[in-house]
Amino acid sequence: MECKFTNLCGSCTLNLTYDEQKAYKLEKIRSKFKEFYGGEIEFFNSNQKHYRTRAEFGLYHENDELSYTMNGKSQKYLKIDQCPKVDIKIANLMPNLLKKLKENQALKHKIFGVEFIATKDEILVILLYHKDILSIEKELLNLKKELEINLIARSRGKKLVFGSDTLRDTLVVDGREFYYQFGDGAFIQPNKMVNEKMISWARGCVSDDKSNELFEMYCGHGNFTIPLSAKFKKVLANEISKSSIKNALKNCELNGVENIKFVRMSSEEIIEAFNGREFVRLKGIDINEYKFSHILVDPPRAGLEKSVMEFMKNYENIIYISCNPDTLRENLTTLCKTHKVVKFALFDQFAHTEHVECGVLLEKQ
């Protein structure tokens, strides 16, 4: 069914049918990257509604009223009653949560934001306050019980957890279920269905030659690492976040994966290790024994640092997942001096918006 969003807030910026959005985005990316790639760009669709499993909203006070808000196209606080993009569990909870907050003056006072995270079987709500949350601990506990949710409240320097701040989810990739746990502060791909397609596409960039070895940078809690590991003899992955590494190790357990070594190191540190610097955190791991055939990077919006690109030029195959086409283009200016783009994918993580994510496979020239 075609979906046309007519009352656009700041996050929904494309008032087009979905087919029109697809054509628009493909042409935009094709034009932006024409000097690097002239072949077919694979387009991976999103659901048009209820696709977003993580969402943040402001809470706006006006007289005695309380409303959800987004940044509007022409105003700072655009009051909204609902958001058709969010996961159905979040959409159903939003009015009930707002009603409870309005009815309780202690909960309503100085609240300014809310974040929702939904998984297959769970939902977590994070409430943000401009006051000491210890003063409303009892009210927060009652709210958690009444709505039957996991609840976190935050204020400056304080965090209260009611239920659990660890979430569990299941992804289905190429017909197989993969099990994950992650913390409330973890980076996750907010469009679960498209995330599954991204992982499948990345797996398709690798042959079934079990002599291959993978090095992954910025691995998080193992979103790509776990499903890709079946394609490789050995995998080494680095991540700076201590909690993400802890969950990545647990996710190996949950999925029966034994060929991955996770190291808690920054990109700069792991490059220094490859250049001979010794680290206690690498105890028991001989990084020189690896013969990597592939490197996978999924960097933040700022893209890759120069030192990382210099390091990557020695790899035969680069799988680059990008959340920012502008920095991807900048990075390709450097990477394509030694490599060529052989596959290009567009992942529509955020339907009805200008934003797209890309996947690029580069082979050494």
Protein backbone atom coordinates (compact mmCIF):
# COMPACT_ATOMS: atom_id res chain seq x y z
CA MET A 1 0.00 0.00 0.00
CA GLU A 2 1.34 3.44 -0.90
CA CYS A 3 1.81 5.69 2.11
CA LYS A 4 1.84 9.45 1.81
CA PHE A 5 2.73 11.40 4.94
CA THR A 6 1.16 14.84 4.66
CA ASN A 7 1.68 16.36 8.14
CA LEU A 8 5.46 16.32 8.20
CA CYS A 9 7.49 16.90 11.32
CA GLY A 10 11.23 17.53 11.23
CA SER A 11 12.06 13.86 10.75
CA CYS A 12 9.61 13.10 7.91
CA THR A 13 10.79 15.32 5.07
CA LEU A 14 9.75 13.43 1.93
CA ASN A 15 6.09 13.97 1.08
CA LEU A 16 6.23 11.43 -1.75
CA THR A 17 4.80 7.99 -2.43
CA TYR A 18 7.22 5.24 -1.56
CA ASP A 19 7.98 4.46 -5.22
CA GLU A 20 8.76 8.15 -5.72
CA GLN A 21 11.01 8.13 -2.66
CA LYS A 22 12.89 5.10 -3.97
CA ALA A 23 13.47 6.71 -7.38
CA TYR A 24 14.53 9.98 -5.76
CA LYS A 25 17.03 8.34 -3.42
CA LEU A 26 18.51 6.08 -6.08
CA GLU A 27 19.07 8.99 -8.44
CA LYS A 28 20.60 11.09 -5.67
CA ILE A 29 23.08 8.36 -4.70
CA ARG A 30 23.80 7.41 -8.31
CA SER A 31 24.71 11.02 -9.06
CA LYS A 32 26.79 11.48 -5.90
CA PHE A 33 28.92 8.40 -6.55
CA LYS A 34 29.06 8.30 -10.37
CA GLU A 35 32.82 8.90 -10.46
CA PHE A 36 33.40 5.81 -8.30
CA TYR A 37 30.73 3.37 -9.53
CA GLY A 38 28.58 3.06 -12.63
CA GLY A 39 26.97 -0.31 -12.09
CA GLU A 40 23.65 -1.37 -10.59
CA ILE A 41 22.83 -0.05 -7.13
CA GLU A 42 20.86 -2.56 -5.09
CA PHE A 43 17.96 -0.96 -3.19
CA PHE A 44 16.71 -2.55 0.02
CA ASN A 45 13.19 -1.43 0.95
CA SER A 46 11.85 -0.54 4.34
CA ASN A 47 8.40 -1.09 5.71
CA GLN A 48 6.52 2.17 5.27
CA LYS A 49 5.08 2.20 8.81
CA HIS A 50 6.09 0.91 12.22
CA TYR A 51 9.68 0.22 11.19
CA ARG A 52 11.60 2.12 13.84
CA THR A 53 12.51 0.19 17.01
CA ARG A 54 14.31 3.09 18.70
CA ALA A 55 12.82 6.57 18.92
CA GLU A 56 13.27 9.74 20.96
CA PHE A 57 10.74 12.50 21.61
CA GLY A 58 10.72 15.73 23.54
CA LEU A 59 8.05 16.34 26.18
CA TYR A 60 6.63 19.85 26.00
CA HIS A 61 4.89 21.63 28.87
CA GLU A 62 2.22 24.20 28.03
CA ASN A 63 0.14 25.46 30.97
CA ASP A 64 -0.95 22.19 32.57
CA GLU A 65 -0.72 20.14 29.38
CA LEU A 66 2.04 17.75 28.32
CA SER A 67 2.71 16.74 24.71
CA TYR A 68 5.17 14.69 22.67
CA THR A 69 7.20 16.90 20.37
CA MET A 70 9.56 16.71 17.42
CA ASN A 71 11.57 19.49 15.84
CA GLY A 72 9.26 20.80 13.14
CA LYS A 73 10.21 21.95 9.66
CA SER A 74 9.27 25.53 10.54
CA GLN A 75 9.06 25.50 14.33
CA LYS A 76 11.18 24.22 17.19
CA TYR A 77 8.47 22.32 19.05
CA LEU A 78 5.94 20.53 16.86
CA LYS A 79 3.40 18.79 19.06
CA ILE A 80 2.41 15.32 17.86
CA ASP A 81 -0.22 12.82 18.96
CA GLN A 82 1.34 9.81 17.28
CA CYS A 83 4.25 8.73 15.10
CA PRO A 84 3.47 6.20 12.36
CA LYS A 85 7.16 5.32 11.91
CA VAL A 86 7.69 3.69 15.31
CA ASP A 87 7.39 -0.02 16.13
CA ILE A 88 3.78 -0.98 16.82
CA LYS A 89 4.59 -1.75 20.48
CA ILE A 90 5.93 1.80 20.89
CA ALA A 91 2.97 3.30 19.00
CA ASN A 92 0.51 1.52 21.30
CA LEU A 93 2.40 2.53 24.44
CA MET A 94 2.84 6.23 23.62
CA PRO A 95 -0.70 7.42 24.50
CA ASN A 96 -0.86 5.27 27.64
CA LEU A 97 2.46 6.55 28.90
CA LEU A 98 1.51 10.17 28.23
CA LYS A 99 -1.78 9.71 30.09
CA LYS A 100 0.01 8.31 33.14
CA LEU A 101 2.52 11.16 33.16
CA LYS A 102 -0.23 13.77 32.90
CA GLU A 103 -2.16 12.21 35.80
CA ASN A 104 0.78 12.24 38.19
CA GLN A 105 2.17 15.68 39.03
CA ALA A 106 5.38 14.23 40.52
CA LEU A 107 6.14 12.29 37.34
CA LYS A 108 5.16 15.17 35.06
CA HIS A 109 7.15 17.87 36.85
CA LYS A 110 10.38 18.77 35.00
CA ILE A 111 10.28 15.83 32.62
CA PHE A 112 11.69 16.88 29.24
CA GLY A 113 12.28 13.81 27.10
CA VAL A 114 11.57 10.14 26.51
CA GLU A 115 13.26 7.37 24.55
CA PHE A 116 11.69 4.07 23.51
CA ILE A 117 13.53 0.87 22.55
CA ALA A 118 11.53 -2.13 21.31
CA THR A 119 12.77 -5.64 20.63
CA LYS A 120 10.94 -8.81 19.62
CA ASP A 121 9.43 -9.38 23.07
CA GLU A 122 10.42 -6.37 25.18
CA ILE A 123 10.07 -2.63 25.43
CA LEU A 124 12.22 -0.20 27.40
CA VAL A 125 11.27 3.38 28.23
CA ILE A 126 13.86 5.96 29.30
CA LEU A 127 12.53 9.13 30.96
CA LEU A 128 14.69 12.24 31.16
CA TYR A 129 14.33 14.79 33.98
CA HIS A 130 15.62 18.20 34.97
CA LYS A 131 15.38 17.28 38.66
CA ASP A 132 16.65 14.74 41.17
CA ILE A 133 14.91 11.49 40.20
CA LEU A 134 15.52 9.98 43.64
CA SER A 135 12.61 12.12 44.88
CA ILE A 136 10.14 10.22 42.65
CA GLU A 137 11.51 6.68 42.93
CA LYS A 138 8.26 5.29 44.33
CA GLU A 139 6.15 6.89 41.55
CA LEU A 140 8.52 5.54 38.89
CA LEU A 141 8.30 2.03 40.30
CA ASN A 142 4.50 2.21 40.23
CA LEU A 143 4.61 3.44 36.62
CA LYS A 144 6.77 0.47 35.63
CA LYS A 145 4.29 -1.93 37.24
CA GLU A 146 1.18 -0.28 35.80
CA LEU A 147 2.50 -0.26 32.22
CA GLU A 148 4.37 -3.59 32.55
CA ILE A 149 7.54 -2.23 30.95
CA ASN A 150 11.23 -1.96 31.67
CA LEU A 151 11.86 1.61 32.81
CA ILE A 152 14.90 3.80 33.27
CA ALA A 153 14.87 7.33 34.66
CA ARG A 154 17.80 9.68 34.19
CA SER A 155 18.78 13.07 35.56
CA ARG A 156 22.15 14.75 35.83
CA GLY A 157 24.56 12.19 37.33
CA LYS A 158 21.78 9.75 38.31
CA LYS A 159 20.18 6.67 36.78
CA LEU A 160 17.41 4.50 38.20
CA VAL A 161 16.54 1.13 36.62
CA PHE A 162 13.19 -0.58 37.14
CA GLY A 163 13.25 -4.01 35.56
CA SER A 164 16.30 -4.47 33.31
CA ASP A 165 18.52 -2.17 31.25
CA THR A 166 19.69 -5.14 29.16
CA LEU A 167 17.57 -5.97 26.14
CA ARG A 168 17.37 -9.15 24.09
CA ASP A 169 16.43 -9.50 20.46
CA THR A 170 16.39 -11.97 17.59
CA LEU A 171 17.42 -11.26 14.01
CA VAL A 172 16.65 -13.55 11.08
CA VAL A 173 19.41 -13.48 8.48
CA ASP A 174 19.44 -15.80 5.46
CA GLY A 175 16.90 -18.05 7.13
CA ARG A 176 18.77 -18.43 10.42
CA GLU A 177 17.93 -16.89 13.79
CA PHE A 178 20.64 -14.96 15.63
CA TYR A 179 20.29 -13.99 19.28
CA TYR A 180 21.60 -10.78 20.83
CA GLN A 181 21.70 -8.92 24.08
CA PHE A 182 22.74 -5.29 24.42
CA GLY A 183 22.55 -2.40 26.87
CA ASP A 184 20.26 0.61 26.84
CA GLY A 185 23.10 2.85 25.65
CA ALA A 186 24.27 0.56 22.86
CA PHE A 187 24.26 1.66 19.25
CA ILE A 188 21.66 -0.34 17.34
CA GLN A 189 20.36 -0.16 13.79
CA PRO A 190 16.88 1.30 14.41
CA ASN A 191 15.19 -0.36 11.43
CA LYS A 192 15.31 -4.04 12.34
CA MET A 193 14.08 -5.42 9.01
CA VAL A 194 16.58 -3.34 7.02
CA ASN A 195 19.32 -4.28 9.48
CA GLU A 196 18.69 -7.95 8.65
CA LYS A 197 19.01 -7.08 4.95
CA MET A 198 22.25 -5.17 5.59
CA ILE A 199 23.79 -8.16 7.34
CA SER A 200 22.64 -10.51 4.57
CA TRP A 201 24.13 -8.18 1.93
CA ALA A 202 27.45 -8.10 3.81
CA ARG A 203 27.46 -11.91 3.98
CA GLY A 204 26.86 -11.97 0.24
CA CYS A 205 30.10 -10.02 -0.27
CA VAL A 206 32.07 -13.06 0.93
CA SER A 207 32.58 -16.39 -0.79
CA ASP A 208 32.15 -19.67 1.06
CA ASP A 209 35.92 -20.26 1.11
CA LYS A 210 36.48 -21.18 4.76
CA SER A 211 40.15 -20.16 4.54
CA ASN A 212 39.06 -16.48 4.61
CA GLU A 213 39.73 -14.38 7.71
CA LEU A 214 37.91 -11.19 8.75
CA PHE A 215 39.00 -8.11 10.66
CA GLU A 216 36.11 -5.90 11.79
CA MET A 217 36.48 -2.42 13.23
CA TYR A 218 33.80 -0.63 15.31
CA CYS A 219 32.06 -3.96 15.94
CA GLY A 220 29.69 -2.90 18.75
CA HIS A 221 27.96 -5.87 20.37
CA GLY A 222 28.50 -8.05 17.28
CA ASN A 223 25.58 -7.06 15.05
CA PHE A 224 27.51 -7.92 11.87
CA THR A 225 30.25 -9.98 13.48
CA ILE A 226 28.17 -12.91 14.69
CA PRO A 227 26.34 -13.72 11.40
CA LEU A 228 29.44 -13.08 9.27
CA SER A 229 31.62 -15.38 11.37
CA ALA A 230 30.16 -18.47 9.65
CA LYS A 231 31.77 -17.26 6.41
CA PHE A 232 35.27 -17.14 7.88
CA LYS A 233 37.87 -19.39 9.43
CA LYS A 234 38.79 -16.74 12.02
CA VAL A 235 37.53 -13.28 12.98
CA LEU A 236 39.18 -10.49 14.96
CA ALA A 237 37.01 -7.53 15.98
CA ASN A 238 37.70 -4.39 17.97
CA GLU A 239 35.43 -2.01 19.87
CA ILE A 240 36.23 0.69 22.44
CA SER A 241 33.09 0.26 24.58
CA LYS A 242 33.59 -2.06 27.55
CA SER A 243 29.86 -2.88 27.83
CA SER A 244 29.61 -3.62 24.10
CA ILE A 245 32.54 -6.06 24.29
CA LYS A 246 30.92 -7.75 27.31
CA ASN A 247 27.69 -8.21 25.35
CA ALA A 248 29.54 -9.29 22.19
CA LEU A 249 31.17 -12.11 24.15
CA LYS A 250 27.77 -13.10 25.57
CA ASN A 251 26.29 -13.04 22.06
CA CYS A 252 28.95 -15.49 20.90
CA GLU A 253 27.77 -17.79 23.67
CA LEU A 254 24.11 -17.37 22.73
CA ASN A 255 24.84 -18.30 19.11
CA GLY A 256 27.43 -21.02 19.68
CA VAL A 257 30.15 -19.05 17.87
CA GLU A 258 33.75 -19.90 18.76
CA ASN A 259 35.91 -18.40 15.99
CA ILE A 260 35.78 -14.70 17.02
CA LYS A 261 38.25 -12.82 19.20
CA PHE A 262 36.94 -9.49 20.52
CA VAL A 263 39.38 -6.88 21.80
CA ARG A 264 38.51 -3.70 23.68
CA MET A 265 40.65 -1.21 21.82
CA SER A 266 40.16 1.95 19.80
CA SER A 267 40.91 2.01 16.08
CA GLU A 268 44.12 3.93 16.75
CA GLU A 269 45.24 1.43 19.37
CA ILE A 270 44.61 -1.63 17.22
CA ILE A 271 46.56 -0.04 14.36
CA GLU A 272 49.43 0.63 16.77
CA ALA A 273 49.25 -3.02 17.83
CA PHE A 274 49.60 -4.16 14.22
CA ASN A 275 52.60 -1.85 13.99
CA GLY A 276 54.30 -3.62 16.90
CA ARG A 277 53.13 -1.90 20.08
CA GLU A 278 52.34 -4.32 22.89
CA PHE A 279 49.05 -4.10 24.83
CA VAL A 280 48.03 -6.02 27.94
CA ARG A 281 44.52 -6.21 26.47
CA LEU A 282 45.92 -8.40 23.66
CA LYS A 283 47.30 -10.98 26.07
CA GLY A 284 46.75 -14.43 24.59
CA ILE A 285 46.07 -13.07 21.09
CA ASP A 286 48.80 -13.13 18.44
CA ILE A 287 47.49 -10.63 15.90
CA ASN A 288 50.38 -11.43 13.57
CA GLU A 289 49.05 -14.95 13.01
CA TYR A 290 46.03 -13.60 11.13
CA LYS A 291 45.99 -13.48 7.34
CA PHE A 292 42.98 -11.26 6.75
CA SER A 293 41.19 -11.53 3.42
CA HIS A 294 38.50 -8.98 4.36
CA ILE A 295 38.05 -5.94 6.55
CA LEU A 296 34.62 -4.65 7.54
CA VAL A 297 34.04 -1.12 8.83
CA ASP A 298 30.83 0.48 10.06
CA PRO A 299 32.12 3.86 11.27
CA PRO A 300 30.20 6.75 12.89
CA ARG A 301 28.77 9.59 10.80
CA ALA A 302 32.15 11.34 10.70
CA GLY A 303 33.49 8.49 8.56
CA LEU A 304 36.96 6.97 8.64
CA GLU A 305 40.04 8.69 10.00
CA LYS A 306 43.02 9.10 7.67
CA SER A 307 45.09 6.66 9.72
CA VAL A 308 42.38 4.00 9.36
CA MET A 309 42.18 4.45 5.59
CA GLU A 310 45.96 4.25 5.33
CA PHE A 311 45.83 1.01 7.31
CA MET A 312 43.01 -0.42 5.16
CA LYS A 313 44.76 0.02 1.83
CA ASN A 314 46.70 -3.22 2.34
CA TYR A 315 43.54 -5.38 2.46
CA GLU A 316 42.25 -7.17 -0.60
CA ASN A 317 38.56 -6.70 0.20
CA ILE A 318 36.87 -3.86 2.09
CA ILE A 319 33.22 -4.01 3.18
CA TYR A 320 32.18 -0.48 4.13
CA ILE A 321 28.80 0.15 5.80
CA SER A 322 28.07 3.88 5.87
CA CYS A 323 25.42 5.90 7.69
CA ASN A 324 26.53 9.12 5.96
CA PRO A 325 26.85 9.28 2.15
CA ASP A 326 28.78 12.57 2.38
CA THR A 327 31.64 11.13 4.43
CA LEU A 328 31.51 7.88 2.43
CA ARG A 329 32.14 9.90 -0.72
CA GLU A 330 35.04 11.73 0.92
CA ASN A 331 36.54 8.42 2.07
CA LEU A 332 36.18 6.83 -1.37
CA THR A 333 38.31 9.63 -2.81
CA THR A 334 41.18 8.11 -0.82
CA LEU A 335 40.21 4.43 -0.86
CA CYS A 336 39.73 4.32 -4.63
CA LYS A 337 43.39 5.19 -5.16
CA THR A 338 44.14 1.56 -4.27
CA HIS A 339 40.73 -0.15 -4.59
CA LYS A 340 37.71 -0.15 -6.88
CA VAL A 341 34.02 -0.33 -5.98
CA VAL A 342 32.51 -3.59 -7.25
CA LYS A 343 29.19 -3.64 -5.35
CA PHE A 344 26.98 -0.83 -4.10
CA ALA A 345 23.83 -1.07 -1.98
CA LEU A 346 21.36 1.50 -0.69
CA PHE A 347 19.58 0.62 2.56
CA ASP A 348 16.41 2.61 3.21
CA GLN A 349 16.71 2.67 7.00
CA PHE A 350 14.48 5.72 7.35
CA ALA A 351 11.51 5.78 4.99
CA HIS A 352 9.92 9.21 4.40
CA THR A 353 13.19 10.99 5.16
CA GLU A 354 16.16 12.17 3.11
CA HIS A 355 18.48 9.87 5.04
CA VAL A 356 19.92 6.69 3.51
CA GLU A 357 22.63 4.22 4.45
CA CYS A 358 24.99 2.60 1.98
CA GLY A 359 27.03 -0.55 1.63
CA VAL A 360 30.10 -0.68 -0.57
CA LEU A 361 32.37 -3.60 -1.45
CA LEU A 362 35.83 -2.58 -2.66
CA GLU A 363 38.46 -4.86 -4.17
CA LYS A 364 42.13 -4.06 -4.43
CA GLN A 365 43.15 -2.94 -7.92
